[in-house]
Amino acid sequence: MSNFSDIMSYIGLSSEEAAVALNVSEDEIVRWCNTSEAPPLHIWQGLVRMLDEIRFSAEEAAKSADLDHLDASDLNRVILMVPGRTASEFAGPKRAATALAVAALARVFV
């Protein structure tokens, strides 16, 4: 495994989705995930943009919640949109953003 693979896993991208999102072949994605060969800088920058889109979506969802009327059962119904073009196209980034938003909102109960 590689750090590239870890980020892909964290974001929730399959190798096929990553190839489409990053405009490279799936073979390159698999190679970067399974060897010590690092992708070029522009590929890392693409992943960082996706991470930023996910983080921004989670933060906006948490900020817009009505904390005075938030119930623990509401945490299971959080649905949000990921505004960035790349991250919004795939289910994994949407799940990652939702998980971060729910974690931020759950802190209200701690």
PDB file of N, CA and C in Angstrom:
ATOM      1  N   MET A   1       0.833  -1.182   0.000  1.00  0.00           N
ATOM      2  CA  MET A   1       0.000   0.000   0.000  1.00  0.00           C
ATOM      3  C   MET A   1       0.878   1.245   0.000  1.00  0.00           C
ATOM      4  N   SER A   2       0.270   2.338  -0.374  1.00  0.00           N
ATOM      5  CA  SER A   2       0.997   3.597  -0.460  1.00  0.00           C
ATOM      6  C   SER A   2       0.146   4.707   0.147  1.00  0.00           C
ATOM      7  N   ASN A   3       0.755   5.851   0.364  1.00  0.00           N
ATOM      8  CA  ASN A   3      -0.017   7.002   0.830  1.00  0.00           C
ATOM      9  C   ASN A   3      -1.076   7.380  -0.197  1.00  0.00           C
ATOM     10  N   PHE A   4      -0.741   7.234  -1.461  1.00  0.00           N
ATOM     11  CA  PHE A   4      -1.711   7.497  -2.522  1.00  0.00           C
ATOM     12  C   PHE A   4      -2.922   6.585  -2.350  1.00  0.00           C
ATOM     13  N   SER A   5      -2.668   5.323  -2.100  1.00  0.00           N
ATOM     14  CA  SER A   5      -3.734   4.353  -1.880  1.00  0.00           C
ATOM     15  C   SER A   5      -4.566   4.709  -0.652  1.00  0.00           C
ATOM     16  N   ASP A   6      -3.902   5.148   0.409  1.00  0.00           N
ATOM     17  CA  ASP A   6      -4.613   5.528   1.629  1.00  0.00           C
ATOM     18  C   ASP A   6      -5.553   6.706   1.386  1.00  0.00           C
ATOM     19  N   ILE A   7      -5.082   7.702   0.640  1.00  0.00           N
ATOM     20  CA  ILE A   7      -5.935   8.857   0.345  1.00  0.00           C
ATOM     21  C   ILE A   7      -7.114   8.435  -0.516  1.00  0.00           C
ATOM     22  N   MET A   8      -6.856   7.593  -1.505  1.00  0.00           N
ATOM     23  CA  MET A   8      -7.944   7.103  -2.360  1.00  0.00           C
ATOM     24  C   MET A   8      -8.983   6.359  -1.519  1.00  0.00           C
ATOM     25  N   SER A   9      -8.517   5.552  -0.601  1.00  0.00           N
ATOM     26  CA  SER A   9      -9.416   4.805   0.270  1.00  0.00           C
ATOM     27  C   SER A   9     -10.209   5.755   1.168  1.00  0.00           C
ATOM     28  N   TYR A  10      -9.542   6.737   1.743  1.00  0.00           N
ATOM     29  CA  TYR A  10     -10.198   7.722   2.611  1.00  0.00           C
ATOM     30  C   TYR A  10     -11.292   8.467   1.858  1.00  0.00           C
ATOM     31  N   ILE A  11     -10.984   8.858   0.632  1.00  0.00           N
ATOM     32  CA  ILE A  11     -11.959   9.572  -0.192  1.00  0.00           C
ATOM     33  C   ILE A  11     -13.078   8.634  -0.636  1.00  0.00           C
ATOM     34  N   GLY A  12     -12.780   7.352  -0.751  1.00  0.00           N
ATOM     35  CA  GLY A  12     -13.779   6.389  -1.168  1.00  0.00           C
ATOM     36  C   GLY A  12     -13.837   6.169  -2.668  1.00  0.00           C
ATOM     37  N   LEU A  13     -12.730   6.430  -3.335  1.00  0.00           N
ATOM     38  CA  LEU A  13     -12.687   6.260  -4.791  1.00  0.00           C
ATOM     39  C   LEU A  13     -12.206   4.868  -5.169  1.00  0.00           C
ATOM     40  N   SER A  14     -12.870   4.265  -6.144  1.00  0.00           N
ATOM     41  CA  SER A  14     -12.356   3.037  -6.733  1.00  0.00           C
ATOM     42  C   SER A  14     -11.260   3.438  -7.723  1.00  0.00           C
ATOM     43  N   SER A  15     -10.472   2.484  -8.149  1.00  0.00           N
ATOM     44  CA  SER A  15      -9.415   2.804  -9.118  1.00  0.00           C
ATOM     45  C   SER A  15     -10.026   3.291 -10.430  1.00  0.00           C
ATOM     46  N   GLU A  16     -11.165   2.755 -10.800  1.00  0.00           N
ATOM     47  CA  GLU A  16     -11.839   3.195 -12.025  1.00  0.00           C
ATOM     48  C   GLU A  16     -12.316   4.649 -11.890  1.00  0.00           C
ATOM     49  N   GLU A  17     -12.926   4.978 -10.762  1.00  0.00           N
ATOM     50  CA  GLU A  17     -13.388   6.351 -10.530  1.00  0.00           C
ATOM     51  C   GLU A  17     -12.219   7.325 -10.484  1.00  0.00           C
ATOM     52  N   ALA A  18     -11.139   6.927  -9.824  1.00  0.00           N
ATOM     53  CA  ALA A  18      -9.968   7.794  -9.729  1.00  0.00           C
ATOM     54  C   ALA A  18      -9.377   8.055 -11.107  1.00  0.00           C
ATOM     55  N   ALA A  19      -9.352   7.030 -11.938  1.00  0.00           N
ATOM     56  CA  ALA A  19      -8.822   7.206 -13.293  1.00  0.00           C
ATOM     57  C   ALA A  19      -9.642   8.241 -14.062  1.00  0.00           C
ATOM     58  N   VAL A  20     -10.951   8.164 -13.925  1.00  0.00           N
ATOM     59  CA  VAL A  20     -11.824   9.133 -14.600  1.00  0.00           C
ATOM     60  C   VAL A  20     -11.620  10.524 -14.004  1.00  0.00           C
ATOM     61  N   ALA A  21     -11.644  10.615 -12.684  1.00  0.00           N
ATOM     62  CA  ALA A  21     -11.532  11.916 -12.010  1.00  0.00           C
ATOM     63  C   ALA A  21     -10.198  12.594 -12.283  1.00  0.00           C
ATOM     64  N   LEU A  22      -9.135  11.806 -12.351  1.00  0.00           N
ATOM     65  CA  LEU A  22      -7.788  12.364 -12.491  1.00  0.00           C
ATOM     66  C   LEU A  22      -7.277  12.325 -13.931  1.00  0.00           C
ATOM     67  N   ASN A  23      -8.105  11.802 -14.832  1.00  0.00           N
ATOM     68  CA  ASN A  23      -7.798  11.769 -16.268  1.00  0.00           C
ATOM     69  C   ASN A  23      -6.502  11.007 -16.577  1.00  0.00           C
ATOM     70  N   VAL A  24      -6.414   9.818 -15.999  1.00  0.00           N
ATOM     71  CA  VAL A  24      -5.289   8.916 -16.261  1.00  0.00           C
ATOM     72  C   VAL A  24      -5.851   7.514 -16.460  1.00  0.00           C
ATOM     73  N   SER A  25      -4.996   6.583 -16.815  1.00  0.00           N
ATOM     74  CA  SER A  25      -5.467   5.216 -17.000  1.00  0.00           C
ATOM     75  C   SER A  25      -5.649   4.523 -15.651  1.00  0.00           C
ATOM     76  N   GLU A  26      -6.525   3.549 -15.634  1.00  0.00           N
ATOM     77  CA  GLU A  26      -6.732   2.785 -14.404  1.00  0.00           C
ATOM     78  C   GLU A  26      -5.468   2.014 -14.028  1.00  0.00           C
ATOM     79  N   ASP A  27      -4.698   1.580 -15.031  1.00  0.00           N
ATOM     80  CA  ASP A  27      -3.433   0.891 -14.757  1.00  0.00           C
ATOM     81  C   ASP A  27      -2.471   1.779 -13.972  1.00  0.00           C
ATOM     82  N   GLU A  28      -2.437   3.070 -14.302  1.00  0.00           N
ATOM     83  CA  GLU A  28      -1.574   3.987 -13.559  1.00  0.00           C
ATOM     84  C   GLU A  28      -2.027   4.107 -12.105  1.00  0.00           C
ATOM     85  N   ILE A  29      -3.336   4.210 -11.912  1.00  0.00           N
ATOM     86  CA  ILE A  29      -3.876   4.310 -10.551  1.00  0.00           C
ATOM     87  C   ILE A  29      -3.485   3.076  -9.748  1.00  0.00           C
ATOM     88  N   VAL A  30      -3.681   1.907 -10.321  1.00  0.00           N
ATOM     89  CA  VAL A  30      -3.348   0.646  -9.636  1.00  0.00           C
ATOM     90  C   VAL A  30      -1.857   0.601  -9.320  1.00  0.00           C
ATOM     91  N   ARG A  31      -1.028   1.023 -10.264  1.00  0.00           N
ATOM     92  CA  ARG A  31       0.425   1.015 -10.036  1.00  0.00           C
ATOM     93  C   ARG A  31       0.792   1.951  -8.890  1.00  0.00           C
ATOM     94  N   TRP A  32       0.229   3.152  -8.866  1.00  0.00           N
ATOM     95  CA  TRP A  32       0.550   4.115  -7.805  1.00  0.00           C
ATOM     96  C   TRP A  32       0.045   3.639  -6.439  1.00  0.00           C
ATOM     97  N   CYS A  33      -1.036   2.862  -6.454  1.00  0.00           N
ATOM     98  CA  CYS A  33      -1.575   2.327  -5.194  1.00  0.00           C
ATOM     99  C   CYS A  33      -0.752   1.166  -4.659  1.00  0.00           C
ATOM    100  N   ASN A  34      -0.204   0.362  -5.541  1.00  0.00           N
ATOM    101  CA  ASN A  34       0.410  -0.894  -5.132  1.00  0.00           C
ATOM    102  C   ASN A  34       1.931  -0.927  -5.173  1.00  0.00           C
ATOM    103  N   THR A  35       2.543   0.163  -5.567  1.00  0.00           N
ATOM    104  CA  THR A  35       4.014   0.202  -5.613  1.00  0.00           C
ATOM    105  C   THR A  35       4.492   1.462  -4.887  1.00  0.00           C
ATOM    106  N   SER A  36       5.793   1.601  -4.817  1.00  0.00           N
ATOM    107  CA  SER A  36       6.348   2.809  -4.198  1.00  0.00           C
ATOM    108  C   SER A  36       6.461   3.954  -5.199  1.00  0.00           C
ATOM    109  N   GLU A  37       6.088   3.718  -6.439  1.00  0.00           N
ATOM    110  CA  GLU A  37       6.129   4.778  -7.449  1.00  0.00           C
ATOM    111  C   GLU A  37       5.068   5.827  -7.132  1.00  0.00           C
ATOM    112  N   ALA A  38       5.483   7.057  -7.050  1.00  0.00           N
ATOM    113  CA  ALA A  38       4.562   8.148  -6.718  1.00  0.00           C
ATOM    114  C   ALA A  38       4.001   8.771  -7.991  1.00  0.00           C
ATOM    115  N   PRO A  39       2.746   9.191  -7.919  1.00  0.00           N
ATOM    116  CA  PRO A  39       2.172   9.886  -9.074  1.00  0.00           C
ATOM    117  C   PRO A  39       2.773  11.281  -9.206  1.00  0.00           C
ATOM    118  N   PRO A  40       2.601  11.899 -10.377  1.00  0.00           N
ATOM    119  CA  PRO A  40       3.095  13.265 -10.566  1.00  0.00           C
ATOM    120  C   PRO A  40       2.343  14.257  -9.675  1.00  0.00           C
ATOM    121  N   LEU A  41       2.931  15.417  -9.500  1.00  0.00           N
ATOM    122  CA  LEU A  41       2.380  16.440  -8.622  1.00  0.00           C
ATOM    123  C   LEU A  41       0.946  16.813  -8.978  1.00  0.00           C
ATOM    124  N   HIS A  42       0.619  16.910 -10.268  1.00  0.00           N
ATOM    125  CA  HIS A  42      -0.746  17.314 -10.639  1.00  0.00           C
ATOM    126  C   HIS A  42      -1.789  16.288 -10.198  1.00  0.00           C
ATOM    127  N   ILE A  43      -1.400  15.050 -10.047  1.00  0.00           N
ATOM    128  CA  ILE A  43      -2.329  14.022  -9.557  1.00  0.00           C
ATOM    129  C   ILE A  43      -2.571  14.252  -8.062  1.00  0.00           C
ATOM    130  N   TRP A  44      -1.502  14.497  -7.294  1.00  0.00           N
ATOM    131  CA  TRP A  44      -1.664  14.813  -5.874  1.00  0.00           C
ATOM    132  C   TRP A  44      -2.546  16.041  -5.710  1.00  0.00           C
ATOM    133  N   GLN A  45      -2.338  17.046  -6.544  1.00  0.00           N
ATOM    134  CA  GLN A  45      -3.130  18.275  -6.462  1.00  0.00           C
ATOM    135  C   GLN A  45      -4.607  17.996  -6.737  1.00  0.00           C
ATOM    136  N   GLY A  46      -4.895  17.078  -7.666  1.00  0.00           N
ATOM    137  CA  GLY A  46      -6.283  16.686  -7.928  1.00  0.00           C
ATOM    138  C   GLY A  46      -6.925  16.041  -6.712  1.00  0.00           C
ATOM    139  N   LEU A  47      -6.178  15.199  -6.026  1.00  0.00           N
ATOM    140  CA  LEU A  47      -6.700  14.571  -4.804  1.00  0.00           C
ATOM    141  C   LEU A  47      -6.915  15.600  -3.705  1.00  0.00           C
ATOM    142  N   VAL A  48      -6.008  16.551  -3.593  1.00  0.00           N
ATOM    143  CA  VAL A  48      -6.150  17.603  -2.582  1.00  0.00           C
ATOM    144  C   VAL A  48      -7.408  18.434  -2.865  1.00  0.00           C
ATOM    145  N   ARG A  49      -7.661  18.739  -4.128  1.00  0.00           N
ATOM    146  CA  ARG A  49      -8.889  19.474  -4.473  1.00  0.00           C
ATOM    147  C   ARG A  49     -10.130  18.694  -4.048  1.00  0.00           C
ATOM    148  N   MET A  50     -10.111  17.377  -4.267  1.00  0.00           N
ATOM    149  CA  MET A  50     -11.251  16.558  -3.853  1.00  0.00           C
ATOM    150  C   MET A  50     -11.395  16.558  -2.341  1.00  0.00           C
ATOM    151  N   LEU A  51     -10.295  16.434  -1.629  1.00  0.00           N
ATOM    152  CA  LEU A  51     -10.343  16.482  -0.166  1.00  0.00           C
ATOM    153  C   LEU A  51     -10.890  17.821   0.312  1.00  0.00           C
ATOM    154  N   ASP A  52     -10.492  18.904  -0.347  1.00  0.00           N
ATOM    155  CA  ASP A  52     -11.005  20.228   0.018  1.00  0.00           C
ATOM    156  C   ASP A  52     -12.506  20.332  -0.225  1.00  0.00           C
ATOM    157  N   GLU A  53     -12.975  19.774  -1.345  1.00  0.00           N
ATOM    158  CA  GLU A  53     -14.414  19.781  -1.643  1.00  0.00           C
ATOM    159  C   GLU A  53     -15.185  19.004  -0.571  1.00  0.00           C
ATOM    160  N   ILE A  54     -14.642  17.881  -0.157  1.00  0.00           N
ATOM    161  CA  ILE A  54     -15.277  17.055   0.874  1.00  0.00           C
ATOM    162  C   ILE A  54     -15.315  17.809   2.203  1.00  0.00           C
ATOM    163  N   ARG A  55     -14.188  18.372   2.596  1.00  0.00           N
ATOM    164  CA  ARG A  55     -14.102  19.109   3.860  1.00  0.00           C
ATOM    165  C   ARG A  55     -15.038  20.312   3.855  1.00  0.00           C
ATOM    166  N   PHE A  56     -15.058  21.051   2.766  1.00  0.00           N
ATOM    167  CA  PHE A  56     -15.930  22.220   2.661  1.00  0.00           C
ATOM    168  C   PHE A  56     -17.400  21.816   2.804  1.00  0.00           C
ATOM    169  N   SER A  57     -17.793  20.751   2.137  1.00  0.00           N
ATOM    170  CA  SER A  57     -19.180  20.283   2.225  1.00  0.00           C
ATOM    171  C   SER A  57     -19.549  19.895   3.643  1.00  0.00           C
ATOM    172  N   ALA A  58     -18.648  19.183   4.306  1.00  0.00           N
ATOM    173  CA  ALA A  58     -18.909  18.757   5.687  1.00  0.00           C
ATOM    174  C   ALA A  58     -19.022  19.963   6.605  1.00  0.00           C
ATOM    175  N   GLU A  59     -18.123  20.923   6.452  1.00  0.00           N
ATOM    176  CA  GLU A  59     -18.162  22.115   7.302  1.00  0.00           C
ATOM    177  C   GLU A  59     -19.442  22.913   7.086  1.00  0.00           C
ATOM    178  N   GLU A  60     -19.845  23.080   5.845  1.00  0.00           N
ATOM    179  CA  GLU A  60     -21.058  23.836   5.541  1.00  0.00           C
ATOM    180  C   GLU A  60     -22.298  23.136   6.101  1.00  0.00           C
ATOM    181  N   ALA A  61     -22.333  21.821   5.990  1.00  0.00           N
ATOM    182  CA  ALA A  61     -23.473  21.072   6.536  1.00  0.00           C
ATOM    183  C   ALA A  61     -23.542  21.226   8.045  1.00  0.00           C
ATOM    184  N   ALA A  62     -22.404  21.125   8.695  1.00  0.00           N
ATOM    185  CA  ALA A  62     -22.377  21.251  10.159  1.00  0.00           C
ATOM    186  C   ALA A  62     -22.763  22.665  10.586  1.00  0.00           C
ATOM    187  N   LYS A  63     -22.287  23.676   9.861  1.00  0.00           N
ATOM    188  CA  LYS A  63     -22.598  25.060  10.212  1.00  0.00           C
ATOM    189  C   LYS A  63     -24.071  25.392  10.009  1.00  0.00           C
ATOM    190  N   SER A  64     -24.693  24.751   9.044  1.00  0.00           N
ATOM    191  CA  SER A  64     -26.080  25.092   8.727  1.00  0.00           C
ATOM    192  C   SER A  64     -27.096  24.336   9.585  1.00  0.00           C
ATOM    193  N   ALA A  65     -26.642  23.416  10.392  1.00  0.00           N
ATOM    194  CA  ALA A  65     -27.556  22.630  11.228  1.00  0.00           C
ATOM    195  C   ALA A  65     -28.131  23.491  12.355  1.00  0.00           C
ATOM    196  N   ASP A  66     -29.367  23.218  12.693  1.00  0.00           N
ATOM    197  CA  ASP A  66     -30.041  23.909  13.801  1.00  0.00           C
ATOM    198  C   ASP A  66     -29.693  23.174  15.094  1.00  0.00           C
ATOM    199  N   LEU A  67     -28.611  23.597  15.722  1.00  0.00           N
ATOM    200  CA  LEU A  67     -28.097  22.882  16.887  1.00  0.00           C
ATOM    201  C   LEU A  67     -29.046  22.922  18.073  1.00  0.00           C
ATOM    202  N   ASP A  68     -29.890  23.941  18.164  1.00  0.00           N
ATOM    203  CA  ASP A  68     -30.832  24.043  19.279  1.00  0.00           C
ATOM    204  C   ASP A  68     -31.918  22.969  19.212  1.00  0.00           C
ATOM    205  N   HIS A  69     -32.169  22.476  18.026  1.00  0.00           N
ATOM    206  CA  HIS A  69     -33.235  21.479  17.854  1.00  0.00           C
ATOM    207  C   HIS A  69     -32.704  20.150  17.320  1.00  0.00           C
ATOM    208  N   LEU A  70     -31.414  19.972  17.400  1.00  0.00           N
ATOM    209  CA  LEU A  70     -30.793  18.753  16.893  1.00  0.00           C
ATOM    210  C   LEU A  70     -31.013  17.609  17.869  1.00  0.00           C
ATOM    211  N   ASP A  71     -31.465  16.511  17.344  1.00  0.00           N
ATOM    212  CA  ASP A  71     -31.687  15.294  18.120  1.00  0.00           C
ATOM    213  C   ASP A  71     -30.708  14.241  17.596  1.00  0.00           C
ATOM    214  N   ALA A  72     -30.305  13.329  18.449  1.00  0.00           N
ATOM    215  CA  ALA A  72     -29.348  12.303  18.037  1.00  0.00           C
ATOM    216  C   ALA A  72     -29.839  11.513  16.829  1.00  0.00           C
ATOM    217  N   SER A  73     -31.134  11.302  16.710  1.00  0.00           N
ATOM    218  CA  SER A  73     -31.657  10.554  15.560  1.00  0.00           C
ATOM    219  C   SER A  73     -31.479  11.338  14.255  1.00  0.00           C
ATOM    220  N   ASP A  74     -31.324  12.662  14.359  1.00  0.00           N
ATOM    221  CA  ASP A  74     -31.098  13.470  13.159  1.00  0.00           C
ATOM    222  C   ASP A  74     -29.768  13.130  12.488  1.00  0.00           C
ATOM    223  N   LEU A  75     -28.824  12.632  13.268  1.00  0.00           N
ATOM    224  CA  LEU A  75     -27.511  12.331  12.716  1.00  0.00           C
ATOM    225  C   LEU A  75     -27.572  11.249  11.650  1.00  0.00           C
ATOM    226  N   ASN A  76     -28.553  10.397  11.730  1.00  0.00           N
ATOM    227  CA  ASN A  76     -28.680   9.321  10.752  1.00  0.00           C
ATOM    228  C   ASN A  76     -29.369   9.787   9.478  1.00  0.00           C
ATOM    229  N   ARG A  77     -29.837  11.033   9.460  1.00  0.00           N
ATOM    230  CA  ARG A  77     -30.558  11.542   8.294  1.00  0.00           C
ATOM    231  C   ARG A  77     -29.831  12.688   7.594  1.00  0.00           C
ATOM    232  N   VAL A  78     -28.572  12.901   7.910  1.00  0.00           N
ATOM    233  CA  VAL A  78     -27.822  13.977   7.272  1.00  0.00           C
ATOM    234  C   VAL A  78     -27.591  13.624   5.805  1.00  0.00           C
ATOM    235  N   ILE A  79     -28.014  14.513   4.939  1.00  0.00           N
ATOM    236  CA  ILE A  79     -27.793  14.360   3.501  1.00  0.00           C
ATOM    237  C   ILE A  79     -27.199  15.675   3.023  1.00  0.00           C
ATOM    238  N   LEU A  80     -26.138  15.607   2.277  1.00  0.00           N
ATOM    239  CA  LEU A  80     -25.543  16.845   1.795  1.00  0.00           C
ATOM    240  C   LEU A  80     -25.052  16.681   0.373  1.00  0.00           C
ATOM    241  N   MET A  81     -24.857  17.803  -0.241  1.00  0.00           N
ATOM    242  CA  MET A  81     -24.333  17.838  -1.600  1.00  0.00           C
ATOM    243  C   MET A  81     -22.878  18.290  -1.529  1.00  0.00           C
ATOM    244  N   VAL A  82     -22.046  17.679  -2.329  1.00  0.00           N
ATOM    245  CA  VAL A  82     -20.652  18.087  -2.435  1.00  0.00           C
ATOM    246  C   VAL A  82     -20.575  19.036  -3.623  1.00  0.00           C
ATOM    247  N   PRO A  83     -20.228  20.307  -3.389  1.00  0.00           N
ATOM    248  CA  PRO A  83     -20.329  21.301  -4.448  1.00  0.00           C
ATOM    249  C   PRO A  83     -19.295  21.187  -5.557  1.00  0.00           C
ATOM    250  N   GLY A  84     -18.149  20.608  -5.281  1.00  0.00           N
ATOM    251  CA  GLY A  84     -17.106  20.539  -6.299  1.00  0.00           C
ATOM    252  C   GLY A  84     -17.481  19.602  -7.426  1.00  0.00           C
ATOM    253  N   ARG A  85     -17.011  19.910  -8.597  1.00  0.00           N
ATOM    254  CA  ARG A  85     -17.328  19.105  -9.769  1.00  0.00           C
ATOM    255  C   ARG A  85     -16.832  17.675  -9.611  1.00  0.00           C
ATOM    256  N   THR A  86     -15.573  17.506  -9.247  1.00  0.00           N
ATOM    257  CA  THR A  86     -14.986  16.175  -9.218  1.00  0.00           C
ATOM    258  C   THR A  86     -15.563  15.313  -8.102  1.00  0.00           C
ATOM    259  N   ALA A  87     -15.556  15.813  -6.901  1.00  0.00           N
ATOM    260  CA  ALA A  87     -15.996  15.006  -5.764  1.00  0.00           C
ATOM    261  C   ALA A  87     -17.475  14.682  -5.837  1.00  0.00           C
ATOM    262  N   SER A  88     -18.275  15.538  -6.445  1.00  0.00           N
ATOM    263  CA  SER A  88     -19.716  15.306  -6.471  1.00  0.00           C
ATOM    264  C   SER A  88     -20.126  14.219  -7.450  1.00  0.00           C
ATOM    265  N   GLU A  89     -19.240  13.813  -8.325  1.00  0.00           N
ATOM    266  CA  GLU A  89     -19.578  12.819  -9.343  1.00  0.00           C
ATOM    267  C   GLU A  89     -19.570  11.378  -8.822  1.00  0.00           C
ATOM    268  N   PHE A  90     -18.983  11.149  -7.659  1.00  0.00           N
ATOM    269  CA  PHE A  90     -18.792   9.790  -7.179  1.00  0.00           C
ATOM    270  C   PHE A  90     -19.370   9.612  -5.786  1.00  0.00           C
ATOM    271  N   ALA A  91     -19.840   8.414  -5.500  1.00  0.00           N
ATOM    272  CA  ALA A  91     -20.487   8.122  -4.222  1.00  0.00           C
ATOM    273  C   ALA A  91     -19.514   8.174  -3.050  1.00  0.00           C
ATOM    274  N   GLY A  92     -18.285   7.736  -3.234  1.00  0.00           N
ATOM    275  CA  GLY A  92     -17.314   7.698  -2.143  1.00  0.00           C
ATOM    276  C   GLY A  92     -17.064   9.062  -1.517  1.00  0.00           C
ATOM    277  N   PRO A  93     -16.776  10.085  -2.315  1.00  0.00           N
ATOM    278  CA  PRO A  93     -16.588  11.416  -1.734  1.00  0.00           C
ATOM    279  C   PRO A  93     -17.834  11.945  -1.027  1.00  0.00           C
ATOM    280  N   LYS A  94     -19.010  11.611  -1.534  1.00  0.00           N
ATOM    281  CA  LYS A  94     -20.245  12.026  -0.851  1.00  0.00           C
ATOM    282  C   LYS A  94     -20.349  11.347   0.513  1.00  0.00           C
ATOM    283  N   ARG A  95     -19.995  10.062   0.582  1.00  0.00           N
ATOM    284  CA  ARG A  95     -20.011   9.350   1.862  1.00  0.00           C
ATOM    285  C   ARG A  95     -18.992   9.934   2.823  1.00  0.00           C
ATOM    286  N   ALA A  96     -17.802  10.273   2.307  1.00  0.00           N
ATOM    287  CA  ALA A  96     -16.763  10.849   3.167  1.00  0.00           C
ATOM    288  C   ALA A  96     -17.213  12.189   3.734  1.00  0.00           C
ATOM    289  N   ALA A  97     -17.807  13.032   2.898  1.00  0.00           N
ATOM    290  CA  ALA A  97     -18.281  14.343   3.365  1.00  0.00           C
ATOM    291  C   ALA A  97     -19.393  14.179   4.394  1.00  0.00           C
ATOM    292  N   THR A  98     -20.293  13.259   4.153  1.00  0.00           N
ATOM    293  CA  THR A  98     -21.382  13.017   5.097  1.00  0.00           C
ATOM    294  C   THR A  98     -20.841  12.514   6.423  1.00  0.00           C
ATOM    295  N   ALA A  99     -19.880  11.604   6.375  1.00  0.00           N
ATOM    296  CA  ALA A  99     -19.285  11.082   7.612  1.00  0.00           C
ATOM    297  C   ALA A  99     -18.617  12.192   8.419  1.00  0.00           C
ATOM    298  N   LEU A 100     -17.910  13.082   7.748  1.00  0.00           N
ATOM    299  CA  LEU A 100     -17.265  14.193   8.456  1.00  0.00           C
ATOM    300  C   LEU A 100     -18.299  15.145   9.047  1.00  0.00           C
ATOM    301  N   ALA A 101     -19.365  15.407   8.311  1.00  0.00           N
ATOM    302  CA  ALA A 101     -20.417  16.300   8.816  1.00  0.00           C
ATOM    303  C   ALA A 101     -21.102  15.684  10.030  1.00  0.00           C
ATOM    304  N   VAL A 102     -21.417  14.407   9.958  1.00  0.00           N
ATOM    305  CA  VAL A 102     -22.077  13.733  11.069  1.00  0.00           C
ATOM    306  C   VAL A 102     -21.163  13.719  12.299  1.00  0.00           C
ATOM    307  N   ALA A 103     -19.864  13.465  12.087  1.00  0.00           N
ATOM    308  CA  ALA A 103     -18.923  13.472  13.203  1.00  0.00           C
ATOM    309  C   ALA A 103     -18.864  14.849  13.857  1.00  0.00           C
ATOM    310  N   ALA A 104     -18.862  15.886  13.039  1.00  0.00           N
ATOM    311  CA  ALA A 104     -18.841  17.254  13.595  1.00  0.00           C
ATOM    312  C   ALA A 104     -20.114  17.540  14.378  1.00  0.00           C
ATOM    313  N   LEU A 105     -21.245  17.123  13.861  1.00  0.00           N
ATOM    314  CA  LEU A 105     -22.526  17.355  14.548  1.00  0.00           C
ATOM    315  C   LEU A 105     -22.652  16.503  15.816  1.00  0.00           C
ATOM    316  N   ALA A 106     -22.097  15.317  15.791  1.00  0.00           N
ATOM    317  CA  ALA A 106     -22.174  14.433  16.963  1.00  0.00           C
ATOM    318  C   ALA A 106     -21.441  15.026  18.157  1.00  0.00           C
ATOM    319  N   ARG A 107     -20.498  15.908  17.917  1.00  0.00           N
ATOM    320  CA  ARG A 107     -19.767  16.551  19.013  1.00  0.00           C
ATOM    321  C   ARG A 107     -20.705  17.389  19.893  1.00  0.00           C
ATOM    322  N   VAL A 108     -21.842  17.772  19.353  1.00  0.00           N
ATOM    323  CA  VAL A 108     -22.834  18.533  20.129  1.00  0.00           C
ATOM    324  C   VAL A 108     -23.282  17.709  21.334  1.00  0.00           C
ATOM    325  N   PHE A 109     -23.302  16.405  21.198  1.00  0.00           N
ATOM    326  CA  PHE A 109     -23.810  15.530  22.248  1.00  0.00           C
ATOM    327  C   PHE A 109     -22.730  15.051  23.201  1.00  0.00           C
ATOM    328  N   VAL A 110     -21.496  15.438  22.966  1.00  0.00           N
ATOM    329  CA  VAL A 110     -20.380  14.976  23.806  1.00  0.00           C
ATOM    330  C   VAL A 110     -20.182  15.913  24.968  1.00  0.00           C
TER     331      VAL A 110
END
